[in-house]
Each structure stands twice: as structure tokens, then as C-alpha cells.
Amino acid sequence: STVVGVVTAADADCFRVWLAKGQRLSVEAEAMRAGGGMFDAVVNLYDDSGAWLVSIDDTSLTRQDPWLSFTAPEEGDYIVEIHEASFEGDDDSRYAMHIGDFPRPTTVWPPGGQAGTRLEVEWQDATAGQIRQEVELPGRGGQTILVYPERAGEAGPVGVPFRVFSGVNRTEGVDDPSTAVALPMAYNGRLS
């Protein structure tokens, strides 16, 4: 489900969801990205007794818009809450919050690719593990597109930024780094 709402001063919106033991829950708030005011959202997750399980404010992938993935340790009701980080909010503090069992990865590898190619990307998902997906890139480079993670034919509701480069694209662990390549070139590497 996608819930659309507004968080005013000292307000918090709460939603009850039932989960089976071991069931995955993904929640993603589009607040700053929704284009309203400066709404720095926080998402909290509580069990049915009111015990605080998870709190997410800012993330490296979506900046001020929080998201979480959670695996239910027990069957029962869970409460998803959204509020403004300072409990301020106003009529411009709008959000769209996606709640479901959709893939919500923490990273994509590589983070970009060569224009006009098809490549396999690897998503790292905190609760579902590694997901592999083929992505068709547009023919024009110099842009950032949104790629929607998919698992078992189900796509996430929010795309992840992915860079499209017009020159040659090389990836550590896949391409031989000693092979000469004409410039311009993008190199995707990992520091360990």
C-alpha cells in the first residue's frame, strides 16, 4: 500500500500492519522527495506492546527520506509511525509512504554503466540478501536514471539513482584493469 498524508506540528501518523513470523516488511517514505516543504521525516517501528524496534531518520541512499526493511521475529501486529524529526511539521509536510513486502536494497553494484548496453546489477538487501537483475540502459550518457529493484517479478515502488556514462565503462573484478581503454572511461571499484 501507499499512504499519502500530511504531518503537522507535533503530529505523528501511525499505521498498524499484521506480520507472520519471519515475514518481511519494507517501508519507504518519500517526504523531501515529494516536493513539499523541508519535511525531514523519521520512521519508527513498534511491536504491539509499544516496544520501539527500529527508528530510521536519514540514510545515505535517500538522504532525509527514511526507509527500513525488517523481518518479523514473531507473528502479530506492528505499528509503523512517521513524524517530522523535530516534531514540527506544517501543511507543506506531505509524504507518500510505501508499506509492503517489496525489495528495498541498501546498495546497487555497479553504481553505473555504459549508455546503450544491458548489464547485470547486484542489489544488496539487508533482509533478502543479494538480488541480481538485468538492466537496459538508455542510449544517451551523461544522465542519472532511476532503476527499480526487482525480486521474483515484484518491483520496489521507488527507484534508485543509477549513472549512465557515454564512454567506456569498466568494473573491478569483471574487467582486466591492465587492458588499455580509450578515454573517456568510467571505472567502478570497491575499496576494502
Protein backbone atom coordinates (compact mmCIF):
# COMPACT_ATOMS: atom_id res chain seq x y z
CA SER A 1 0.00 0.00 0.00
CA THR A 2 0.96 3.60 -0.46
CA VAL A 3 -0.34 6.04 2.13
CA VAL A 4 -0.38 9.75 1.35
CA GLY A 5 -0.57 12.20 4.24
CA VAL A 6 0.49 15.42 5.91
CA VAL A 7 2.32 15.76 9.24
CA THR A 8 1.51 19.00 11.05
CA ALA A 9 3.21 20.39 14.19
CA ALA A 10 3.65 17.80 16.99
CA ASP A 11 1.84 15.24 14.81
CA ALA A 12 2.70 11.59 14.15
CA ASP A 13 0.78 9.33 11.77
CA CYS A 14 0.61 5.63 12.72
CA PHE A 15 -0.40 2.54 10.77
CA ARG A 16 -1.00 -0.98 12.10
CA VAL A 17 0.20 -3.93 9.99
CA TRP A 18 -0.07 -7.62 10.76
CA LEU A 19 3.00 -9.77 10.02
CA ALA A 20 3.56 -13.51 10.17
CA LYS A 21 6.69 -14.75 11.93
CA GLY A 22 9.61 -14.37 9.50
CA GLN A 23 7.64 -12.11 7.14
CA ARG A 24 9.47 -9.18 5.64
CA LEU A 25 8.25 -5.61 5.99
CA SER A 26 9.61 -2.78 3.85
CA VAL A 27 8.69 0.85 4.50
CA GLU A 28 9.86 3.84 2.47
CA ALA A 29 8.81 7.44 2.98
CA GLU A 30 9.00 9.99 0.20
CA ALA A 31 8.87 13.27 2.09
CA MET A 32 11.65 15.63 0.96
CA ARG A 33 11.41 13.95 -2.47
CA ALA A 34 7.64 14.56 -2.52
CA GLY A 35 8.36 18.23 -3.21
CA GLY A 36 6.63 19.81 -0.24
CA GLY A 37 8.34 21.84 2.44
CA MET A 38 11.51 20.95 4.31
CA PHE A 39 9.97 17.81 5.81
CA ASP A 40 12.75 15.77 7.49
CA ALA A 41 10.78 12.59 8.15
CA VAL A 42 11.50 9.87 10.71
CA VAL A 43 10.01 6.37 10.51
CA ASN A 44 9.67 4.25 13.65
CA LEU A 45 8.53 0.66 14.06
CA TYR A 46 6.96 -0.67 17.27
CA ASP A 47 5.63 -4.06 18.26
CA ASP A 48 2.06 -4.41 19.53
CA SER A 49 3.13 -3.82 23.15
CA GLY A 50 4.60 -0.45 22.16
CA ALA A 51 8.24 -1.56 22.34
CA TRP A 52 10.37 0.53 20.00
CA LEU A 53 12.04 -1.81 17.46
CA VAL A 54 13.54 0.41 14.74
CA SER A 55 13.97 4.14 14.13
CA ILE A 56 15.27 5.50 10.82
CA ASP A 57 15.94 9.15 10.11
CA ASP A 58 18.42 9.94 7.31
CA THR A 59 20.00 7.35 5.01
CA SER A 60 22.97 7.52 2.65
CA LEU A 61 20.84 6.37 -0.27
CA THR A 62 17.75 8.58 0.14
CA ARG A 63 19.17 11.40 2.31
CA GLN A 64 16.39 12.89 4.50
CA ASP A 65 13.81 10.33 3.39
CA PRO A 66 13.86 7.24 5.64
CA TRP A 67 13.30 3.63 4.68
CA LEU A 68 13.61 0.35 6.52
CA SER A 69 13.46 -3.38 5.96
CA PHE A 70 12.51 -5.63 8.83
CA THR A 71 11.88 -9.33 9.39
CA ALA A 72 9.19 -10.04 11.98
CA PRO A 73 10.57 -12.10 14.88
CA GLU A 74 7.03 -13.04 15.95
CA GLU A 75 3.55 -13.14 14.45
CA GLY A 76 1.41 -10.17 15.35
CA ASP A 77 0.58 -6.53 14.87
CA TYR A 78 3.31 -3.94 14.31
CA ILE A 79 2.95 -0.15 14.25
CA VAL A 80 4.62 2.00 11.58
CA GLU A 81 4.92 5.66 12.61
CA ILE A 82 6.03 8.72 10.64
CA HIS A 83 6.75 12.15 12.11
CA GLU A 84 8.92 15.22 11.49
CA ALA A 85 12.41 14.90 13.06
CA SER A 86 11.87 17.90 15.37
CA PHE A 87 8.12 17.28 15.78
CA GLU A 88 7.45 20.48 13.89
CA GLY A 89 5.73 19.96 10.54
CA ASP A 90 3.11 22.10 8.80
CA ASP A 91 0.61 21.94 5.95
CA ASP A 92 3.50 21.54 3.45
CA SER A 93 4.92 18.48 5.26
CA ARG A 94 3.46 15.99 2.79
CA TYR A 95 4.56 12.41 2.34
CA ALA A 96 3.88 9.23 0.40
CA MET A 97 4.78 6.16 2.47
CA HIS A 98 5.05 2.76 0.82
CA ILE A 99 4.40 -0.22 3.12
CA GLY A 100 4.73 -3.81 1.92
CA ASP A 101 6.95 -6.77 1.15
CA PHE A 102 8.84 -5.15 -1.72
CA PRO A 103 12.62 -5.27 -2.27
CA ARG A 104 14.46 -2.37 -0.62
CA PRO A 105 18.19 -2.69 -1.22
CA THR A 106 20.90 -0.73 0.54
CA THR A 107 23.23 -0.57 -2.49
CA VAL A 108 23.47 -1.36 -6.18
CA TRP A 109 26.66 -2.67 -7.85
CA PRO A 110 27.96 -1.35 -10.11
CA PRO A 111 26.53 2.13 -9.47
CA GLY A 112 26.55 2.98 -13.17
CA GLY A 113 27.03 1.64 -16.68
CA GLN A 114 27.71 2.43 -20.31
CA ALA A 115 24.93 4.02 -22.37
CA GLY A 116 23.12 1.69 -24.76
CA THR A 117 24.16 -1.52 -23.01
CA ARG A 118 22.45 -4.20 -20.99
CA LEU A 119 24.18 -5.24 -17.79
CA GLU A 120 23.58 -7.27 -14.69
CA VAL A 121 23.42 -5.35 -11.44
CA GLU A 122 23.64 -6.73 -7.93
CA TRP A 123 21.46 -5.34 -5.17
CA GLN A 124 22.42 -5.81 -1.53
CA ASP A 125 19.27 -6.12 0.52
CA ALA A 126 19.54 -6.17 4.32
CA THR A 127 16.73 -8.68 4.82
CA ALA A 128 16.51 -10.52 1.48
CA GLY A 129 20.24 -10.85 0.72
CA GLN A 130 21.67 -10.46 -2.75
CA ILE A 131 19.38 -9.83 -5.72
CA ARG A 132 20.62 -9.94 -9.32
CA GLN A 133 18.80 -8.11 -12.10
CA GLU A 134 19.46 -7.20 -15.73
CA VAL A 135 19.09 -3.51 -16.59
CA GLU A 136 18.73 -1.98 -20.07
CA LEU A 137 20.44 1.42 -20.17
CA PRO A 138 19.31 4.27 -22.43
CA GLY A 139 21.40 5.22 -25.45
CA ARG A 140 22.38 8.64 -24.14
CA GLY A 141 25.03 9.05 -21.44
CA GLY A 142 25.64 11.89 -19.02
CA GLN A 143 22.47 11.28 -17.04
CA THR A 144 21.25 9.65 -13.89
CA ILE A 145 18.25 7.36 -14.24
CA LEU A 146 16.13 5.54 -11.71
CA VAL A 147 16.39 1.76 -11.61
CA TYR A 148 13.65 -0.13 -9.79
CA PRO A 149 14.89 -3.17 -7.86
CA GLU A 150 13.01 -6.38 -8.65
CA ARG A 151 12.72 -9.66 -6.78
CA ALA A 152 10.68 -12.60 -8.10
CA GLY A 153 8.90 -10.29 -10.56
CA GLU A 154 7.97 -7.73 -7.89
CA ALA A 155 9.45 -4.25 -8.29
CA GLY A 156 10.10 -1.80 -5.49
CA PRO A 157 7.91 1.32 -5.58
CA VAL A 158 10.84 3.77 -5.56
CA GLY A 159 13.75 3.84 -8.00
CA VAL A 160 17.43 4.01 -7.05
CA PRO A 161 19.69 6.55 -8.84
CA PHE A 162 21.98 4.90 -11.43
CA ARG A 163 24.56 6.77 -13.54
CA VAL A 164 24.66 6.32 -17.31
CA PHE A 165 28.05 7.12 -18.88
CA SER A 166 28.61 7.74 -22.61
CA GLY A 167 32.21 6.44 -22.63
CA VAL A 168 33.67 3.04 -21.85
CA ASN A 169 32.62 1.56 -18.53
CA ARG A 170 34.86 -0.87 -16.61
CA THR A 171 34.17 -2.70 -13.37
CA GLU A 172 36.64 -4.06 -10.83
CA GLY A 173 36.57 -7.84 -10.65
CA VAL A 174 34.95 -8.11 -14.08
CA ASP A 175 37.27 -6.25 -16.48
CA ASP A 176 41.05 -6.65 -16.67
CA PRO A 177 42.50 -3.36 -15.32
CA SER A 178 45.68 -3.78 -17.38
CA THR A 179 43.76 -3.63 -20.68
CA ALA A 180 44.19 -0.27 -22.42
CA VAL A 181 40.93 1.59 -22.96
CA ALA A 182 40.25 4.78 -24.91
CA LEU A 183 39.16 7.78 -22.90
CA PRO A 184 36.69 8.88 -21.62
CA MET A 185 36.27 5.96 -19.25
CA ALA A 186 34.37 5.28 -16.02
CA TYR A 187 35.80 2.76 -13.56
CA ASN A 188 33.62 1.18 -10.88
CA GLY A 189 35.70 -0.06 -7.97
CA ARG A 190 35.31 -1.11 -4.35
CA LEU A 191 37.63 -0.20 -1.51
CA SER A 192 38.16 -2.95 1.05
